[in-house]
Protein backbone atom coordinates (compact mmCIF):
# COMPACT_ATOMS: atom_id res chain seq x y z
CA UNK A 1 109.71 147.52 112.72
CA UNK A 2 108.15 144.40 113.70
CA UNK A 3 108.05 144.11 117.47
CA UNK A 4 106.84 140.51 118.40
CA UNK A 5 107.40 137.13 116.83
CA UNK A 6 104.26 136.10 118.32
CA UNK A 7 102.18 138.74 116.56
CA UNK A 8 103.80 137.41 113.40
CA UNK A 9 102.04 134.00 114.18
CA UNK A 10 98.93 135.49 114.45
CA UNK A 11 98.94 137.04 111.12
CA UNK A 12 100.25 134.06 109.15
CA UNK A 13 97.72 132.33 110.97
CA UNK A 14 95.20 134.34 109.56
CA UNK A 15 96.21 134.03 106.24
CA UNK A 16 96.63 130.58 106.05
CA UNK A 17 92.97 130.32 107.78
CA UNK A 18 91.57 132.91 104.52
CA UNK A 19 93.57 130.64 102.22
CA UNK A 20 91.81 127.38 103.64
CA UNK A 21 93.40 124.20 104.52
CA UNK A 22 95.82 122.22 102.37
CA UNK A 23 93.57 119.07 101.25
CA UNK A 24 92.24 117.10 98.33
CA UNK A 25 88.46 116.83 98.06
CA UNK A 26 86.94 113.95 97.81
CA UNK A 27 87.08 111.28 94.59
CA UNK A 28 83.73 109.44 93.99
CA UNK A 29 84.47 106.44 91.85
CA UNK A 30 80.87 105.30 90.56
CA UNK A 31 81.32 101.44 89.16
CA UNK A 32 78.24 101.43 87.80
CA UNK A 33 78.47 100.79 83.89
CA UNK A 34 78.82 104.25 82.31
CA UNK A 35 79.98 105.54 85.10
CA UNK A 36 83.57 106.65 86.29
CA UNK A 37 85.87 105.66 83.21
CA UNK A 38 87.27 102.45 83.09
CA UNK A 39 89.08 99.88 80.99
CA UNK A 40 88.68 96.01 80.99
CA UNK A 41 91.41 93.39 80.77
CA UNK A 42 90.07 90.07 80.57
CA UNK A 43 87.01 88.63 80.32
CA UNK A 44 87.78 85.38 82.57
CA UNK A 45 88.81 84.53 86.01
CA UNK A 46 91.64 86.83 87.16
CA UNK A 47 90.31 89.42 84.68
CA UNK A 48 90.66 93.34 85.71
CA UNK A 49 88.95 96.29 85.63
CA UNK A 50 91.20 99.67 85.77
CA UNK A 51 89.01 102.96 86.72
CA UNK A 52 90.50 106.05 86.11
CA UNK A 53 89.62 109.91 87.79
CA UNK A 54 92.74 112.49 86.50
CA UNK A 55 95.77 111.15 87.76
CA UNK A 56 94.37 108.27 89.91
CA UNK A 57 94.02 104.99 88.61
CA UNK A 58 92.09 102.06 90.61
CA UNK A 59 92.99 98.85 89.94
CA UNK A 60 89.73 96.11 90.66
CA UNK A 61 89.86 92.13 91.04
CA UNK A 62 87.76 89.71 91.94
CA UNK A 63 88.49 86.66 94.52
CA UNK A 64 86.75 83.79 96.42
CA UNK A 65 87.81 81.41 98.80
CA UNK A 66 87.16 78.71 96.71
CA UNK A 67 90.90 76.84 96.77
CA UNK A 68 91.91 73.56 97.51
CA UNK A 69 95.28 74.63 98.57
CA UNK A 70 95.38 75.29 101.36
CA UNK A 71 91.75 74.26 101.86
CA UNK A 72 89.44 77.55 101.42
CA UNK A 73 92.14 79.95 100.40
CA UNK A 74 91.95 82.71 98.23
CA UNK A 75 91.91 82.38 94.34
CA UNK A 76 91.15 84.42 91.26
CA UNK A 77 87.03 84.67 90.56
CA UNK A 78 85.62 86.95 87.60
CA UNK A 79 84.73 90.59 88.12
CA UNK A 80 81.38 91.73 86.58
CA UNK A 81 80.79 95.22 85.42
CA UNK A 82 77.21 95.69 85.44
CA UNK A 83 74.27 98.49 85.29
CA UNK A 84 74.17 98.67 88.76
CA UNK A 85 77.76 98.25 89.67
CA UNK A 86 80.43 95.85 90.48
CA UNK A 87 79.57 91.73 90.99
CA UNK A 88 81.45 88.55 91.12
CA UNK A 89 81.39 85.08 89.48
CA UNK A 90 83.51 82.76 91.29
CA UNK A 91 84.91 79.05 90.14
CA UNK A 92 82.08 77.07 92.16
CA UNK A 93 79.29 78.94 90.08
CA UNK A 94 79.68 77.76 86.75
CA UNK A 95 81.04 78.90 83.69
CA UNK A 96 81.77 82.91 83.68
CA UNK A 97 79.23 82.81 80.86
CA UNK A 98 76.57 81.02 82.42
CA UNK A 99 77.31 83.15 85.55
CA UNK A 100 76.87 86.53 84.21
CA UNK A 101 73.92 85.93 82.64
CA UNK A 102 72.24 84.63 85.90
CA UNK A 103 69.91 86.87 87.86
CA UNK A 104 71.55 85.98 91.59
CA UNK A 105 75.12 84.08 90.96
CA UNK A 106 76.82 87.11 89.39
CA UNK A 107 76.61 89.39 93.00
CA UNK A 108 78.87 89.52 95.79
CA UNK A 109 77.59 87.21 98.25
CA UNK A 110 78.51 84.43 101.22
CA UNK A 111 76.42 81.67 99.87
CA UNK A 112 78.76 78.84 100.35
CA UNK A 113 81.96 80.59 98.88
CA UNK A 114 82.98 84.28 100.05
CA UNK A 115 83.00 86.63 97.20
CA UNK A 116 85.52 89.11 97.50
CA UNK A 117 86.53 92.64 95.84
CA UNK A 118 89.89 94.12 95.98
CA UNK A 119 90.36 97.72 95.07
CA UNK A 120 94.08 98.76 94.51
CA UNK A 121 95.51 102.47 94.49
CA UNK A 122 98.42 104.09 92.90
CA UNK A 123 98.79 106.42 96.21
CA UNK A 124 97.13 106.31 99.98
CA UNK A 125 93.51 106.72 100.23
CA UNK A 126 91.37 107.85 103.41
CA UNK A 127 88.47 105.17 102.84
CA UNK A 128 85.01 106.76 103.26
CA UNK A 129 82.05 105.28 102.31
CA UNK A 130 80.87 102.49 99.64
CA UNK A 131 77.72 102.18 98.47
CA UNK A 132 76.21 98.54 97.62
CA UNK A 133 72.88 97.75 95.94
CA UNK A 134 71.39 94.32 96.35
CA UNK A 135 69.44 93.78 93.47
CA UNK A 136 66.55 92.06 95.02
CA UNK A 137 65.60 91.90 98.61
CA UNK A 138 68.69 90.41 100.86
CA UNK A 139 70.77 90.68 103.72
CA UNK A 140 73.35 93.43 103.44
CA UNK A 141 75.83 92.59 105.49
CA UNK A 142 79.56 93.63 104.88
CA UNK A 143 82.84 92.89 105.81
CA UNK A 144 85.91 94.98 104.88
CA UNK A 145 90.06 95.30 105.43
CA UNK A 146 91.98 98.07 104.85
CA UNK A 147 95.56 97.96 104.40
CA UNK A 148 98.79 99.25 103.08
CA UNK A 149 99.85 96.52 100.40
CA UNK A 150 102.43 95.97 97.95
CA UNK A 151 101.04 97.33 94.52
CA UNK A 152 101.51 94.10 92.92
CA UNK A 153 99.55 92.26 95.74
CA UNK A 154 98.42 88.84 94.53
CA UNK A 155 95.89 87.16 97.18
CA UNK A 156 96.12 83.48 95.33
CA UNK A 157 96.84 80.77 98.17
CA UNK A 158 95.83 83.39 100.86
CA UNK A 159 93.19 82.72 103.47
CA UNK A 160 91.13 85.38 105.60
CA UNK A 161 93.64 84.67 108.54
CA UNK A 162 96.88 85.83 106.50
CA UNK A 163 95.63 88.76 105.58
CA UNK A 164 97.31 90.83 108.43
CA UNK A 165 100.90 89.47 106.99
CA UNK A 166 100.04 90.99 103.85
CA UNK A 167 99.18 94.60 105.02
CA UNK A 168 95.74 94.38 106.03
CA UNK A 169 94.21 95.88 109.12
CA UNK A 170 91.78 94.07 111.11
CA UNK A 171 88.66 92.86 109.71
CA UNK A 172 85.18 95.71 110.17
CA UNK A 173 81.77 94.68 110.02
CA UNK A 174 78.75 96.31 108.99
CA UNK A 175 75.52 94.78 110.23
CA UNK A 176 72.70 95.81 108.09
CA UNK A 177 68.81 94.34 107.68
CA UNK A 178 67.38 93.00 104.35
CA UNK A 179 66.13 95.08 101.96
CA UNK A 180 66.54 96.17 98.27
CA UNK A 181 67.33 99.66 98.25
CA UNK A 182 70.85 100.64 97.64
CA UNK A 183 72.92 101.70 101.20
CA UNK A 184 76.04 103.45 102.22
CA UNK A 185 78.44 102.21 104.59
CA UNK A 186 80.71 104.14 106.31
CA UNK A 187 84.44 103.33 105.95
CA UNK A 188 85.65 105.57 109.45
CA UNK A 189 88.40 107.19 106.95
CA UNK A 190 90.97 104.30 107.12
CA UNK A 191 94.23 104.84 105.39
CA UNK A 192 95.91 102.54 103.08
CA UNK A 193 96.33 102.09 99.53
CA UNK A 194 94.01 98.82 99.32
CA UNK A 195 90.28 98.19 100.17
CA UNK A 196 89.01 94.49 100.35
CA UNK A 197 85.39 94.00 100.42
CA UNK A 198 82.98 91.32 100.66
CA UNK A 199 79.78 89.85 102.21
CA UNK A 200 79.78 89.23 105.78
CA UNK A 201 82.72 86.86 106.97
CA UNK A 202 81.58 84.21 108.73
CA UNK A 203 78.40 84.18 106.91
CA UNK A 204 76.19 83.96 109.72
CA UNK A 205 73.25 81.38 107.99
CA UNK A 206 71.38 84.09 106.40
CA UNK A 207 72.36 84.92 102.69
CA UNK A 208 74.02 88.50 102.22
CA UNK A 209 74.18 89.44 98.59
CA UNK A 210 74.92 92.70 96.59
CA UNK A 211 76.81 94.65 93.72
CA UNK A 212 79.28 97.46 94.79
CA UNK A 213 77.87 100.85 92.92
CA UNK A 214 80.65 103.19 94.52
CA UNK A 215 83.34 104.04 96.97
CA UNK A 216 84.32 107.61 98.18
CA UNK A 217 87.98 108.27 99.11
CA UNK A 218 90.10 111.29 99.93
CA UNK A 219 93.78 112.30 100.12
CA UNK A 220 94.96 111.74 103.57
CA UNK A 221 96.09 115.43 105.05
CA UNK A 222 99.34 113.88 106.55
CA UNK A 223 100.46 113.03 102.26
CA UNK A 224 99.13 116.58 101.08
CA UNK A 225 102.25 118.48 100.50
CA UNK A 226 102.08 122.37 101.46
CA UNK A 227 104.26 124.11 99.07
CA UNK A 228 107.08 126.35 100.38
CA UNK A 229 105.78 128.69 97.83
CA UNK A 230 102.68 129.47 99.82
CA UNK A 231 104.60 129.69 102.81
CA UNK A 232 106.21 132.57 101.50
CA UNK A 233 103.17 133.64 99.75
CA UNK A 234 101.35 133.67 103.16
CA UNK A 235 103.87 135.31 104.97
CA UNK A 236 103.97 138.34 102.46
CA UNK A 237 100.49 138.87 102.26
CA UNK A 238 100.25 138.50 106.11
CA UNK A 239 102.63 141.32 106.24
CA UNK A 240 101.17 143.62 103.81
CA UNK A 241 97.72 143.13 105.40
CA UNK A 242 98.87 144.10 108.96
CA UNK A 243 100.80 147.25 107.34
CA UNK A 244 97.70 148.03 105.75
CA UNK A 245 96.07 147.96 108.71
CA UNK A 246 98.45 150.64 110.04
CA UNK A 247 100.19 148.65 112.78
CA UNK A 248 103.06 146.48 113.22
CA UNK A 249 102.63 142.68 113.11
């Protein structure tokens, strides 16, 4: 006979510890060409690259604050998919063809204009880490925003000041020394379905330039379901464990 609900709870706790926490593992999105499976849509301003892993997809677009209405508002840029990661060609850097073939202009940079890369997920993600590659010796300061936004978000006509109205959280800056080595930046596990990344905003007079090599995300614990069947199994296994030990739970 079961004598104590407290002892039953102890047995269930033991079983759940054995089974392990119900969380999903980390996903590493590799943006270097030949990395994570990708499909490109378009080859000019406003193009998109869609990456996929399992059932999850990630849509990536490029933007820059080169718009004139309102002044310095966001408008579409061209997203480049290179051997070292993703880069941006904005509308003030010449034709897309000449931009992509240049050695500097396809970086994510803050020289005259602010380049941005927008990542949109199908589901909420905890943003963990971003790896950038400067492709030469450059300052490597990064600004980023995480938010829960419309899955059809269009940044055209928006500004840095209006990002909060779209569902983004506050700007976070990662200030780093100049160098040519790839650099991994912690994103603090901030949760959302969108990540917006750019070179430091506003620029401090020193050019920040890099490509974005990879992104690591995890599924937040709050959105990982624990199946009812698991609890039933845990209950039965817990009781069986206690009976095999020759005592009541």
